[in-house]
Amino acid sequence: MKYLTLLSLVFAFNVHADTELSVNDELTLADEAIQSPAMDIEGQYKVETQVPQKKPAQKKQIQKQLSSSDRLKLLRQRLEERNKIMVEKKMEQIRYQQELALARQLEQSMNKTIQAIDGIK
């Protein structure tokens, strides 16, 4: 009986540790995706220099006063916003790759047409 209780306690601790770790990892990945440089249409990267902003100390005090449900609500809202930004970036990247592939196909067909015209002469 003691073994079963100890085993369930260890399992519960591991589940809590895994969920806490995955939320932090997802936030870190989302932050990295948001801070990545934007790609121009020509494929050149633009790196914008941003002035670091000072975070007010009041924000930390407000977060300490929030209940756990309010913190989860804020976390969900931030995650939804970050996911939206990541999806938009991914869609733009896929669109750009498709445009490049279409341009290559068009170039190949034009080259074949030019070779066929040169062959007629």
PDB file of N, CA and C in Angstrom:
ATOM      1  N   MET A   1       0.816  -1.183   0.000  1.00  0.00           N
ATOM      2  CA  MET A   1       0.000   0.000   0.000  1.00  0.00           C
ATOM      3  C   MET A   1       0.868   1.258   0.000  1.00  0.00           C
ATOM      4  N   LYS A   2       1.944   1.240   0.795  1.00  0.00           N
ATOM      5  CA  LYS A   2       2.853   2.378   0.842  1.00  0.00           C
ATOM      6  C   LYS A   2       3.529   2.571  -0.515  1.00  0.00           C
ATOM      7  N   TYR A   3       3.856   1.455  -1.147  1.00  0.00           N
ATOM      8  CA  TYR A   3       4.500   1.505  -2.464  1.00  0.00           C
ATOM      9  C   TYR A   3       3.578   2.175  -3.480  1.00  0.00           C
ATOM     10  N   LEU A   4       2.317   1.831  -3.466  1.00  0.00           N
ATOM     11  CA  LEU A   4       1.345   2.408  -4.394  1.00  0.00           C
ATOM     12  C   LEU A   4       1.165   3.906  -4.140  1.00  0.00           C
ATOM     13  N   THR A   5       1.109   4.304  -2.895  1.00  0.00           N
ATOM     14  CA  THR A   5       0.975   5.715  -2.548  1.00  0.00           C
ATOM     15  C   THR A   5       2.199   6.502  -3.002  1.00  0.00           C
ATOM     16  N   LEU A   6       3.378   5.954  -2.755  1.00  0.00           N
ATOM     17  CA  LEU A   6       4.617   6.596  -3.159  1.00  0.00           C
ATOM     18  C   LEU A   6       4.701   6.702  -4.680  1.00  0.00           C
ATOM     19  N   LEU A   7       4.304   5.669  -5.363  1.00  0.00           N
ATOM     20  CA  LEU A   7       4.328   5.657  -6.822  1.00  0.00           C
ATOM     21  C   LEU A   7       3.371   6.697  -7.402  1.00  0.00           C
ATOM     22  N   SER A   8       2.176   6.809  -6.843  1.00  0.00           N
ATOM     23  CA  SER A   8       1.213   7.795  -7.332  1.00  0.00           C
ATOM     24  C   SER A   8       1.701   9.224  -7.051  1.00  0.00           C
ATOM     25  N   LEU A   9       2.381   9.437  -5.926  1.00  0.00           N
ATOM     26  CA  LEU A   9       2.929  10.746  -5.598  1.00  0.00           C
ATOM     27  C   LEU A   9       4.020  11.139  -6.593  1.00  0.00           C
ATOM     28  N   VAL A  10       4.899  10.204  -6.899  1.00  0.00           N
ATOM     29  CA  VAL A  10       5.964  10.475  -7.862  1.00  0.00           C
ATOM     30  C   VAL A  10       5.369  10.756  -9.245  1.00  0.00           C
ATOM     31  N   PHE A  11       4.383  10.001  -9.641  1.00  0.00           N
ATOM     32  CA  PHE A  11       3.733  10.203 -10.938  1.00  0.00           C
ATOM     33  C   PHE A  11       3.067  11.579 -11.005  1.00  0.00           C
ATOM     34  N   ALA A  12       2.383  11.958  -9.950  1.00  0.00           N
ATOM     35  CA  ALA A  12       1.704  13.260  -9.923  1.00  0.00           C
ATOM     36  C   ALA A  12       2.718  14.395 -10.000  1.00  0.00           C
ATOM     37  N   PHE A  13       3.842  14.252  -9.320  1.00  0.00           N
ATOM     38  CA  PHE A  13       4.889  15.281  -9.369  1.00  0.00           C
ATOM     39  C   PHE A  13       5.466  15.399 -10.766  1.00  0.00           C
ATOM     40  N   ASN A  14       5.709  14.269 -11.438  1.00  0.00           N
ATOM     41  CA  ASN A  14       6.262  14.293 -12.786  1.00  0.00           C
ATOM     42  C   ASN A  14       5.295  14.921 -13.784  1.00  0.00           C
ATOM     43  N   VAL A  15       4.025  14.636 -13.651  1.00  0.00           N
ATOM     44  CA  VAL A  15       3.030  15.225 -14.554  1.00  0.00           C
ATOM     45  C   VAL A  15       3.012  16.734 -14.388  1.00  0.00           C
ATOM     46  N   HIS A  16       3.040  17.200 -13.144  1.00  0.00           N
ATOM     47  CA  HIS A  16       3.049  18.643 -12.891  1.00  0.00           C
ATOM     48  C   HIS A  16       4.323  19.274 -13.441  1.00  0.00           C
ATOM     49  N   ALA A  17       5.458  18.639 -13.255  1.00  0.00           N
ATOM     50  CA  ALA A  17       6.726  19.186 -13.737  1.00  0.00           C
ATOM     51  C   ALA A  17       6.746  19.229 -15.261  1.00  0.00           C
ATOM     52  N   ASP A  18       6.213  18.219 -15.931  1.00  0.00           N
ATOM     53  CA  ASP A  18       6.201  18.190 -17.391  1.00  0.00           C
ATOM     54  C   ASP A  18       5.307  19.283 -17.960  1.00  0.00           C
ATOM     55  N   THR A  19       4.141  19.495 -17.376  1.00  0.00           N
ATOM     56  CA  THR A  19       3.247  20.517 -17.904  1.00  0.00           C
ATOM     57  C   THR A  19       3.825  21.899 -17.682  1.00  0.00           C
ATOM     58  N   GLU A  20       4.447  22.130 -16.564  1.00  0.00           N
ATOM     59  CA  GLU A  20       5.040  23.438 -16.303  1.00  0.00           C
ATOM     60  C   GLU A  20       6.191  23.697 -17.263  1.00  0.00           C
ATOM     61  N   LEU A  21       6.966  22.701 -17.566  1.00  0.00           N
ATOM     62  CA  LEU A  21       8.096  22.831 -18.464  1.00  0.00           C
ATOM     63  C   LEU A  21       7.621  23.081 -19.889  1.00  0.00           C
ATOM     64  N   SER A  22       6.580  22.388 -20.326  1.00  0.00           N
ATOM     65  CA  SER A  22       6.133  22.541 -21.707  1.00  0.00           C
ATOM     66  C   SER A  22       5.530  23.920 -21.947  1.00  0.00           C
ATOM     67  N   VAL A  23       4.840  24.490 -20.985  1.00  0.00           N
ATOM     68  CA  VAL A  23       4.277  25.827 -21.149  1.00  0.00           C
ATOM     69  C   VAL A  23       5.402  26.838 -21.301  1.00  0.00           C
ATOM     70  N   ASN A  24       6.449  26.717 -20.476  1.00  0.00           N
ATOM     71  CA  ASN A  24       7.574  27.631 -20.574  1.00  0.00           C
ATOM     72  C   ASN A  24       8.307  27.461 -21.895  1.00  0.00           C
ATOM     73  N   ASP A  25       8.463  26.214 -22.367  1.00  0.00           N
ATOM     74  CA  ASP A  25       9.117  25.970 -23.639  1.00  0.00           C
ATOM     75  C   ASP A  25       8.321  26.563 -24.788  1.00  0.00           C
ATOM     76  N   GLU A  26       6.995  26.403 -24.752  1.00  0.00           N
ATOM     77  CA  GLU A  26       6.156  26.961 -25.810  1.00  0.00           C
ATOM     78  C   GLU A  26       6.243  28.482 -25.831  1.00  0.00           C
ATOM     79  N   LEU A  27       6.274  29.092 -24.657  1.00  0.00           N
ATOM     80  CA  LEU A  27       6.398  30.544 -24.599  1.00  0.00           C
ATOM     81  C   LEU A  27       7.739  31.001 -25.159  1.00  0.00           C
ATOM     82  N   THR A  28       8.801  30.265 -24.845  1.00  0.00           N
ATOM     83  CA  THR A  28      10.124  30.617 -25.348  1.00  0.00           C
ATOM     84  C   THR A  28      10.173  30.502 -26.863  1.00  0.00           C
ATOM     85  N   LEU A  29       9.623  29.403 -27.414  1.00  0.00           N
ATOM     86  CA  LEU A  29       9.599  29.234 -28.859  1.00  0.00           C
ATOM     87  C   LEU A  29       8.761  30.308 -29.537  1.00  0.00           C
ATOM     88  N   ALA A  30       7.645  30.650 -28.946  1.00  0.00           N
ATOM     89  CA  ALA A  30       6.797  31.690 -29.525  1.00  0.00           C
ATOM     90  C   ALA A  30       7.501  33.040 -29.503  1.00  0.00           C
ATOM     91  N   ASP A  31       8.202  33.343 -28.414  1.00  0.00           N
ATOM     92  CA  ASP A  31       8.943  34.600 -28.342  1.00  0.00           C
ATOM     93  C   ASP A  31      10.041  34.655 -29.403  1.00  0.00           C
ATOM     94  N   GLU A  32      10.728  33.539 -29.613  1.00  0.00           N
ATOM     95  CA  GLU A  32      11.776  33.503 -30.630  1.00  0.00           C
ATOM     96  C   GLU A  32      11.193  33.704 -32.027  1.00  0.00           C
ATOM     97  N   ALA A  33      10.031  33.119 -32.277  1.00  0.00           N
ATOM     98  CA  ALA A  33       9.396  33.270 -33.589  1.00  0.00           C
ATOM     99  C   ALA A  33       8.956  34.705 -33.821  1.00  0.00           C
ATOM    100  N   ILE A  34       8.465  35.353 -32.787  1.00  0.00           N
ATOM    101  CA  ILE A  34       8.016  36.735 -32.928  1.00  0.00           C
ATOM    102  C   ILE A  34       9.200  37.657 -33.174  1.00  0.00           C
ATOM    103  N   GLN A  35      10.318  37.377 -32.545  1.00  0.00           N
ATOM    104  CA  GLN A  35      11.475  38.257 -32.646  1.00  0.00           C
ATOM    105  C   GLN A  35      12.347  37.955 -33.854  1.00  0.00           C
ATOM    106  N   SER A  36      11.981  36.976 -34.674  1.00  0.00           N
ATOM    107  CA  SER A  36      12.783  36.665 -35.853  1.00  0.00           C
ATOM    108  C   SER A  36      12.630  37.782 -36.882  1.00  0.00           C
ATOM    109  N   PRO A  37      13.663  38.003 -37.712  1.00  0.00           N
ATOM    110  CA  PRO A  37      13.584  39.095 -38.682  1.00  0.00           C
ATOM    111  C   PRO A  37      12.558  38.808 -39.763  1.00  0.00           C
ATOM    112  N   ALA A  38      11.924  39.861 -40.259  1.00  0.00           N
ATOM    113  CA  ALA A  38      10.917  39.725 -41.303  1.00  0.00           C
ATOM    114  C   ALA A  38      11.608  39.596 -42.658  1.00  0.00           C
ATOM    115  N   MET A  39      10.993  38.834 -43.567  1.00  0.00           N
ATOM    116  CA  MET A  39      11.578  38.622 -44.867  1.00  0.00           C
ATOM    117  C   MET A  39      10.916  39.548 -45.880  1.00  0.00           C
ATOM    118  N   ASP A  40      11.732  40.209 -46.676  1.00  0.00           N
ATOM    119  CA  ASP A  40      11.229  41.072 -47.724  1.00  0.00           C
ATOM    120  C   ASP A  40      10.823  40.207 -48.910  1.00  0.00           C
ATOM    121  N   ILE A  41      10.067  40.759 -49.853  1.00  0.00           N
ATOM    122  CA  ILE A  41       9.598  39.977 -50.998  1.00  0.00           C
ATOM    123  C   ILE A  41      10.768  39.463 -51.827  1.00  0.00           C
ATOM    124  N   GLU A  42      11.821  40.253 -51.954  1.00  0.00           N
ATOM    125  CA  GLU A  42      12.976  39.836 -52.742  1.00  0.00           C
ATOM    126  C   GLU A  42      13.817  38.789 -52.031  1.00  0.00           C
ATOM    127  N   GLY A  43      13.477  38.452 -50.828  1.00  0.00           N
ATOM    128  CA  GLY A  43      14.221  37.432 -50.088  1.00  0.00           C
ATOM    129  C   GLY A  43      15.300  38.011 -49.205  1.00  0.00           C
ATOM    130  N   GLN A  44      15.373  39.297 -49.106  1.00  0.00           N
ATOM    131  CA  GLN A  44      16.368  39.937 -48.264  1.00  0.00           C
ATOM    132  C   GLN A  44      15.779  40.121 -46.864  1.00  0.00           C
ATOM    133  N   TYR A  45      16.600  39.882 -45.874  1.00  0.00           N
ATOM    134  CA  TYR A  45      16.136  40.043 -44.503  1.00  0.00           C
ATOM    135  C   TYR A  45      16.330  41.478 -44.054  1.00  0.00           C
ATOM    136  N   LYS A  46      15.318  41.981 -43.397  1.00  0.00           N
ATOM    137  CA  LYS A  46      15.412  43.304 -42.793  1.00  0.00           C
ATOM    138  C   LYS A  46      15.529  43.108 -41.292  1.00  0.00           C
ATOM    139  N   VAL A  47      16.549  43.676 -40.730  1.00  0.00           N
ATOM    140  CA  VAL A  47      16.703  43.604 -39.275  1.00  0.00           C
ATOM    141  C   VAL A  47      16.452  44.999 -38.734  1.00  0.00           C
ATOM    142  N   GLU A  48      15.375  45.139 -38.026  1.00  0.00           N
ATOM    143  CA  GLU A  48      15.030  46.430 -37.466  1.00  0.00           C
ATOM    144  C   GLU A  48      15.612  46.523 -36.066  1.00  0.00           C
ATOM    145  N   THR A  49      16.250  47.628 -35.811  1.00  0.00           N
ATOM    146  CA  THR A  49      16.789  47.831 -34.470  1.00  0.00           C
ATOM    147  C   THR A  49      15.678  48.408 -33.604  1.00  0.00           C
ATOM    148  N   GLN A  50      15.453  47.756 -32.521  1.00  0.00           N
ATOM    149  CA  GLN A  50      14.410  48.191 -31.616  1.00  0.00           C
ATOM    150  C   GLN A  50      15.039  48.718 -30.340  1.00  0.00           C
ATOM    151  N   VAL A  51      14.477  49.793 -29.872  1.00  0.00           N
ATOM    152  CA  VAL A  51      14.952  50.383 -28.627  1.00  0.00           C
ATOM    153  C   VAL A  51      14.351  49.592 -27.476  1.00  0.00           C
ATOM    154  N   PRO A  52      15.200  49.053 -26.591  1.00  0.00           N
ATOM    155  CA  PRO A  52      14.637  48.297 -25.467  1.00  0.00           C
ATOM    156  C   PRO A  52      13.810  49.202 -24.570  1.00  0.00           C
ATOM    157  N   GLN A  53      12.650  48.707 -24.247  1.00  0.00           N
ATOM    158  CA  GLN A  53      11.747  49.487 -23.410  1.00  0.00           C
ATOM    159  C   GLN A  53      11.850  49.002 -21.972  1.00  0.00           C
ATOM    160  N   LYS A  54      11.766  49.943 -21.072  1.00  0.00           N
ATOM    161  CA  LYS A  54      11.797  49.594 -19.657  1.00  0.00           C
ATOM    162  C   LYS A  54      10.416  49.129 -19.243  1.00  0.00           C
ATOM    163  N   LYS A  55      10.382  48.019 -18.562  1.00  0.00           N
ATOM    164  CA  LYS A  55       9.112  47.482 -18.085  1.00  0.00           C
ATOM    165  C   LYS A  55       8.803  48.091 -16.726  1.00  0.00           C
ATOM    166  N   PRO A  56       7.615  48.569 -16.558  1.00  0.00           N
ATOM    167  CA  PRO A  56       7.284  49.172 -15.260  1.00  0.00           C
ATOM    168  C   PRO A  56       7.219  48.125 -14.161  1.00  0.00           C
ATOM    169  N   ALA A  57       7.594  48.531 -12.981  1.00  0.00           N
ATOM    170  CA  ALA A  57       7.590  47.633 -11.834  1.00  0.00           C
ATOM    171  C   ALA A  57       6.171  47.332 -11.371  1.00  0.00           C
ATOM    172  N   GLN A  58       5.227  48.172 -11.762  1.00  0.00           N
ATOM    173  CA  GLN A  58       3.850  47.968 -11.335  1.00  0.00           C
ATOM    174  C   GLN A  58       3.257  46.716 -11.966  1.00  0.00           C
ATOM    175  N   LYS A  59       3.721  46.355 -13.141  1.00  0.00           N
ATOM    176  CA  LYS A  59       3.185  45.178 -13.813  1.00  0.00           C
ATOM    177  C   LYS A  59       3.416  43.916 -12.984  1.00  0.00           C
ATOM    178  N   LYS A  60       4.588  43.819 -12.390  1.00  0.00           N
ATOM    179  CA  LYS A  60       4.884  42.652 -11.554  1.00  0.00           C
ATOM    180  C   LYS A  60       3.983  42.623 -10.324  1.00  0.00           C
ATOM    181  N   GLN A  61       3.724  43.786  -9.769  1.00  0.00           N
ATOM    182  CA  GLN A  61       2.857  43.843  -8.599  1.00  0.00           C
ATOM    183  C   GLN A  61       1.432  43.457  -8.955  1.00  0.00           C
ATOM    184  N   ILE A  62       0.984  43.863 -10.131  1.00  0.00           N
ATOM    185  CA  ILE A  62      -0.370  43.523 -10.555  1.00  0.00           C
ATOM    186  C   ILE A  62      -0.483  42.023 -10.781  1.00  0.00           C
ATOM    187  N   GLN A  63       0.541  41.419 -11.377  1.00  0.00           N
ATOM    188  CA  GLN A  63       0.500  39.984 -11.632  1.00  0.00           C
ATOM    189  C   GLN A  63       0.462  39.187 -10.334  1.00  0.00           C
ATOM    190  N   LYS A  64       1.113  39.676  -9.317  1.00  0.00           N
ATOM    191  CA  LYS A  64       1.088  38.964  -8.042  1.00  0.00           C
ATOM    192  C   LYS A  64      -0.295  38.995  -7.421  1.00  0.00           C
ATOM    193  N   GLN A  65      -1.069  40.023  -7.719  1.00  0.00           N
ATOM    194  CA  GLN A  65      -2.390  40.155  -7.141  1.00  0.00           C
ATOM    195  C   GLN A  65      -3.451  39.381  -7.915  1.00  0.00           C
ATOM    196  N   LEU A  66      -3.133  38.936  -9.120  1.00  0.00           N
ATOM    197  CA  LEU A  66      -4.103  38.210  -9.932  1.00  0.00           C
ATOM    198  C   LEU A  66      -4.315  36.802  -9.397  1.00  0.00           C
ATOM    199  N   SER A  67      -5.518  36.318  -9.580  1.00  0.00           N
ATOM    200  CA  SER A  67      -5.791  34.940  -9.184  1.00  0.00           C
ATOM    201  C   SER A  67      -5.249  34.001 -10.252  1.00  0.00           C
ATOM    202  N   SER A  68      -5.215  32.733  -9.951  1.00  0.00           N
ATOM    203  CA  SER A  68      -4.653  31.774 -10.902  1.00  0.00           C
ATOM    204  C   SER A  68      -5.494  31.697 -12.165  1.00  0.00           C
ATOM    205  N   SER A  69      -6.811  31.811 -12.057  1.00  0.00           N
ATOM    206  CA  SER A  69      -7.657  31.778 -13.254  1.00  0.00           C
ATOM    207  C   SER A  69      -7.410  32.996 -14.138  1.00  0.00           C
ATOM    208  N   ASP A  70      -7.178  34.160 -13.530  1.00  0.00           N
ATOM    209  CA  ASP A  70      -6.872  35.350 -14.302  1.00  0.00           C
ATOM    210  C   ASP A  70      -5.518  35.223 -14.999  1.00  0.00           C
ATOM    211  N   ARG A  71      -4.547  34.649 -14.302  1.00  0.00           N
ATOM    212  CA  ARG A  71      -3.238  34.438 -14.916  1.00  0.00           C
ATOM    213  C   ARG A  71      -3.335  33.479 -16.094  1.00  0.00           C
ATOM    214  N   LEU A  72      -4.120  32.411 -15.941  1.00  0.00           N
ATOM    215  CA  LEU A  72      -4.309  31.470 -17.046  1.00  0.00           C
ATOM    216  C   LEU A  72      -5.004  32.144 -18.226  1.00  0.00           C
ATOM    217  N   LYS A  73      -5.964  33.001 -17.935  1.00  0.00           N
ATOM    218  CA  LYS A  73      -6.667  33.719 -18.998  1.00  0.00           C
ATOM    219  C   LYS A  73      -5.692  34.617 -19.758  1.00  0.00           C
ATOM    220  N   LEU A  74      -4.854  35.346 -19.040  1.00  0.00           N
ATOM    221  CA  LEU A  74      -3.859  36.202 -19.685  1.00  0.00           C
ATOM    222  C   LEU A  74      -2.855  35.375 -20.482  1.00  0.00           C
ATOM    223  N   LEU A  75      -2.454  34.241 -19.924  1.00  0.00           N
ATOM    224  CA  LEU A  75      -1.523  33.359 -20.616  1.00  0.00           C
ATOM    225  C   LEU A  75      -2.131  32.833 -21.913  1.00  0.00           C
ATOM    226  N   ARG A  76      -3.386  32.436 -21.872  1.00  0.00           N
ATOM    227  CA  ARG A  76      -4.069  31.956 -23.081  1.00  0.00           C
ATOM    228  C   ARG A  76      -4.158  33.049 -24.138  1.00  0.00           C
ATOM    229  N   GLN A  77      -4.458  34.269 -23.700  1.00  0.00           N
ATOM    230  CA  GLN A  77      -4.548  35.375 -24.653  1.00  0.00           C
ATOM    231  C   GLN A  77      -3.201  35.646 -25.314  1.00  0.00           C
ATOM    232  N   ARG A  78      -2.137  35.629 -24.512  1.00  0.00           N
ATOM    233  CA  ARG A  78      -0.802  35.845 -25.084  1.00  0.00           C
ATOM    234  C   ARG A  78      -0.434  34.718 -26.034  1.00  0.00           C
ATOM    235  N   LEU A  79      -0.745  33.479 -25.650  1.00  0.00           N
ATOM    236  CA  LEU A  79      -0.439  32.345 -26.522  1.00  0.00           C
ATOM    237  C   LEU A  79      -1.226  32.417 -27.832  1.00  0.00           C
ATOM    238  N   GLU A  80      -2.494  32.819 -27.749  1.00  0.00           N
ATOM    239  CA  GLU A  80      -3.290  32.957 -28.969  1.00  0.00           C
ATOM    240  C   GLU A  80      -2.707  34.017 -29.887  1.00  0.00           C
ATOM    241  N   GLU A  81      -2.265  35.132 -29.316  1.00  0.00           N
ATOM    242  CA  GLU A  81      -1.673  36.194 -30.117  1.00  0.00           C
ATOM    243  C   GLU A  81      -0.368  35.721 -30.757  1.00  0.00           C
ATOM    244  N   ARG A  82       0.463  35.036 -29.986  1.00  0.00           N
ATOM    245  CA  ARG A  82       1.727  34.529 -30.516  1.00  0.00           C
ATOM    246  C   ARG A  82       1.494  33.470 -31.581  1.00  0.00           C
ATOM    247  N   ASN A  83       0.514  32.607 -31.352  1.00  0.00           N
ATOM    248  CA  ASN A  83       0.194  31.587 -32.359  1.00  0.00           C
ATOM    249  C   ASN A  83      -0.283  32.233 -33.651  1.00  0.00           C
ATOM    250  N   LYS A  84      -1.084  33.279 -33.528  1.00  0.00           N
ATOM    251  CA  LYS A  84      -1.570  33.989 -34.714  1.00  0.00           C
ATOM    252  C   LYS A  84      -0.400  34.576 -35.495  1.00  0.00           C
ATOM    253  N   ILE A  85       0.536  35.178 -34.803  1.00  0.00           N
ATOM    254  CA  ILE A  85       1.702  35.759 -35.456  1.00  0.00           C
ATOM    255  C   ILE A  85       2.548  34.676 -36.110  1.00  0.00           C
ATOM    256  N   MET A  86       2.749  33.560 -35.408  1.00  0.00           N
ATOM    257  CA  MET A  86       3.547  32.462 -35.966  1.00  0.00           C
ATOM    258  C   MET A  86       2.877  31.878 -37.201  1.00  0.00           C
ATOM    259  N   VAL A  87       1.554  31.727 -37.182  1.00  0.00           N
ATOM    260  CA  VAL A  87       0.832  31.186 -38.337  1.00  0.00           C
ATOM    261  C   VAL A  87       0.948  32.138 -39.518  1.00  0.00           C
ATOM    262  N   GLU A  88       0.827  33.443 -39.268  1.00  0.00           N
ATOM    263  CA  GLU A  88       0.956  34.415 -40.353  1.00  0.00           C
ATOM    264  C   GLU A  88       2.353  34.375 -40.964  1.00  0.00           C
ATOM    265  N   LYS A  89       3.383  34.258 -40.126  1.00  0.00           N
ATOM    266  CA  LYS A  89       4.751  34.166 -40.645  1.00  0.00           C
ATOM    267  C   LYS A  89       4.945  32.891 -41.463  1.00  0.00           C
ATOM    268  N   LYS A  90       4.409  31.792 -40.973  1.00  0.00           N
ATOM    269  CA  LYS A  90       4.547  30.523 -41.683  1.00  0.00           C
ATOM    270  C   LYS A  90       3.812  30.573 -43.022  1.00  0.00           C
ATOM    271  N   MET A  91       2.615  31.174 -43.037  1.00  0.00           N
ATOM    272  CA  MET A  91       1.864  31.295 -44.287  1.00  0.00           C
ATOM    273  C   MET A  91       2.629  32.151 -45.295  1.00  0.00           C
ATOM    274  N   GLU A  92       3.238  33.224 -44.837  1.00  0.00           N
ATOM    275  CA  GLU A  92       4.016  34.088 -45.722  1.00  0.00           C
ATOM    276  C   GLU A  92       5.236  33.346 -46.263  1.00  0.00           C
ATOM    277  N   GLN A  93       5.870  32.546 -45.419  1.00  0.00           N
ATOM    278  CA  GLN A  93       7.035  31.777 -45.852  1.00  0.00           C
ATOM    279  C   GLN A  93       6.638  30.741 -46.906  1.00  0.00           C
ATOM    280  N   ILE A  94       5.531  30.048 -46.699  1.00  0.00           N
ATOM    281  CA  ILE A  94       5.052  29.052 -47.660  1.00  0.00           C
ATOM    282  C   ILE A  94       4.671  29.723 -48.975  1.00  0.00           C
ATOM    283  N   ARG A  95       3.992  30.875 -48.893  1.00  0.00           N
ATOM    284  CA  ARG A  95       3.610  31.606 -50.100  1.00  0.00           C
ATOM    285  C   ARG A  95       4.842  32.010 -50.892  1.00  0.00           C
ATOM    286  N   TYR A  96       5.877  32.481 -50.209  1.00  0.00           N
ATOM    287  CA  TYR A  96       7.112  32.889 -50.866  1.00  0.00           C
ATOM    288  C   TYR A  96       7.785  31.700 -51.548  1.00  0.00           C
ATOM    289  N   GLN A  97       7.832  30.551 -50.874  1.00  0.00           N
ATOM    290  CA  GLN A  97       8.432  29.362 -51.470  1.00  0.00           C
ATOM    291  C   GLN A  97       7.665  28.899 -52.696  1.00  0.00           C
ATOM    292  N   GLN A  98       6.344  28.986 -52.651  1.00  0.00           N
ATOM    293  CA  GLN A  98       5.532  28.606 -53.804  1.00  0.00           C
ATOM    294  C   GLN A  98       5.748  29.563 -54.976  1.00  0.00           C
ATOM    295  N   GLU A  99       5.904  30.836 -54.676  1.00  0.00           N
ATOM    296  CA  GLU A  99       6.181  31.797 -55.739  1.00  0.00           C
ATOM    297  C   GLU A  99       7.539  31.530 -56.378  1.00  0.00           C
ATOM    298  N   LEU A 100       8.534  31.180 -55.567  1.00  0.00           N
ATOM    299  CA  LEU A 100       9.849  30.844 -56.129  1.00  0.00           C
ATOM    300  C   LEU A 100       9.770  29.607 -57.019  1.00  0.00           C
ATOM    301  N   ALA A 101       9.041  28.587 -56.579  1.00  0.00           N
ATOM    302  CA  ALA A 101       8.900  27.371 -57.383  1.00  0.00           C
ATOM    303  C   ALA A 101       8.182  27.679 -58.691  1.00  0.00           C
ATOM    304  N   LEU A 102       7.156  28.497 -58.644  1.00  0.00           N
ATOM    305  CA  LEU A 102       6.429  28.877 -59.857  1.00  0.00           C
ATOM    306  C   LEU A 102       7.329  29.671 -60.801  1.00  0.00           C
ATOM    307  N   ALA A 103       8.155  30.563 -60.246  1.00  0.00           N
ATOM    308  CA  ALA A 103       9.091  31.331 -61.067  1.00  0.00           C
ATOM    309  C   ALA A 103      10.105  30.410 -61.739  1.00  0.00           C
ATOM    310  N   ARG A 104      10.591  29.398 -61.027  1.00  0.00           N
ATOM    311  CA  ARG A 104      11.532  28.436 -61.624  1.00  0.00           C
ATOM    312  C   ARG A 104      10.871  27.648 -62.754  1.00  0.00           C
ATOM    313  N   GLN A 105       9.642  27.214 -62.545  1.00  0.00           N
ATOM    314  CA  GLN A 105       8.931  26.478 -63.594  1.00  0.00           C
ATOM    315  C   GLN A 105       8.719  27.353 -64.822  1.00  0.00           C
ATOM    316  N   LEU A 106       8.363  28.599 -64.602  1.00  0.00           N
ATOM    317  CA  LEU A 106       8.156  29.529 -65.708  1.00  0.00           C
ATOM    318  C   LEU A 106       9.461  29.765 -66.457  1.00  0.00           C
ATOM    319  N   GLU A 107      10.553  29.900 -65.721  1.00  0.00           N
ATOM    320  CA  GLU A 107      11.862  30.098 -66.350  1.00  0.00           C
ATOM    321  C   GLU A 107      12.251  28.879 -67.181  1.00  0.00           C
ATOM    322  N   GLN A 108      12.014  27.676 -66.655  1.00  0.00           N
ATOM    323  CA  GLN A 108      12.337  26.460 -67.402  1.00  0.00           C
ATOM    324  C   GLN A 108      11.506  26.357 -68.677  1.00  0.00           C
ATOM    325  N   SER A 109      10.230  26.664 -68.604  1.00  0.00           N
ATOM    326  CA  SER A 109       9.389  26.583 -69.802  1.00  0.00           C
ATOM    327  C   SER A 109       9.796  27.633 -70.821  1.00  0.00           C
ATOM    328  N   MET A 110      10.191  28.810 -70.356  1.00  0.00           N
ATOM    329  CA  MET A 110      10.662  29.839 -71.289  1.00  0.00           C
ATOM    330  C   MET A 110      11.973  29.423 -71.945  1.00  0.00           C
ATOM    331  N   ASN A 111      12.863  28.803 -71.180  1.00  0.00           N
ATOM    332  CA  ASN A 111      14.122  28.315 -71.743  1.00  0.00           C
ATOM    333  C   ASN A 111      13.874  27.251 -72.807  1.00  0.00           C
ATOM    334  N   LYS A 112      12.921  26.353 -72.564  1.00  0.00           N
ATOM    335  CA  LYS A 112      12.582  25.329 -73.551  1.00  0.00           C
ATOM    336  C   LYS A 112      12.007  25.970 -74.808  1.00  0.00           C
ATOM    337  N   THR A 113      11.180  26.986 -74.625  1.00  0.00           N
ATOM    338  CA  THR A 113      10.596  27.685 -75.772  1.00  0.00           C
ATOM    339  C   THR A 113      11.692  28.375 -76.583  1.00  0.00           C
ATOM    340  N   ILE A 114      12.616  29.019 -75.905  1.00  0.00           N
ATOM    341  CA  ILE A 114      13.721  29.700 -76.603  1.00  0.00           C
ATOM    342  C   ILE A 114      14.597  28.681 -77.333  1.00  0.00           C
ATOM    343  N   GLN A 115      14.862  27.544 -76.714  1.00  0.00           N
ATOM    344  CA  GLN A 115      15.659  26.508 -77.367  1.00  0.00           C
ATOM    345  C   GLN A 115      14.931  25.962 -78.588  1.00  0.00           C
ATOM    346  N   ALA A 116      13.623  25.816 -78.473  1.00  0.00           N
ATOM    347  CA  ALA A 116      12.852  25.331 -79.618  1.00  0.00           C
ATOM    348  C   ALA A 116      12.870  26.351 -80.755  1.00  0.00           C
ATOM    349  N   ILE A 117      12.794  27.634 -80.434  1.00  0.00           N
ATOM    350  CA  ILE A 117      12.862  28.679 -81.465  1.00  0.00           C
ATOM    351  C   ILE A 117      14.246  28.703 -82.104  1.00  0.00           C
ATOM    352  N   ASP A 118      15.303  28.564 -81.270  1.00  0.00           N
ATOM    353  CA  ASP A 118      16.667  28.532 -81.801  1.00  0.00           C
ATOM    354  C   ASP A 118      16.884  27.303 -82.692  1.00  0.00           C
ATOM    355  N   GLY A 119      16.225  26.212 -82.373  1.00  0.00           N
ATOM    356  CA  GLY A 119      16.355  24.988 -83.153  1.00  0.00           C
ATOM    357  C   GLY A 119      15.706  25.108 -84.521  1.00  0.00           C
ATOM    358  N   ILE A 120      14.691  25.924 -84.635  1.00  0.00           N
ATOM    359  CA  ILE A 120      13.981  26.117 -85.912  1.00  0.00           C
ATOM    360  C   ILE A 120      14.859  26.913 -86.888  1.00  0.00           C
ATOM    361  N   LYS A 121      15.599  27.844 -86.374  1.00  0.00           N
ATOM    362  CA  LYS A 121      16.439  28.684 -87.243  1.00  0.00           C
ATOM    363  C   LYS A 121      17.479  27.830 -87.845  1.00  0.00           C
TER     364      LYS A 121
END
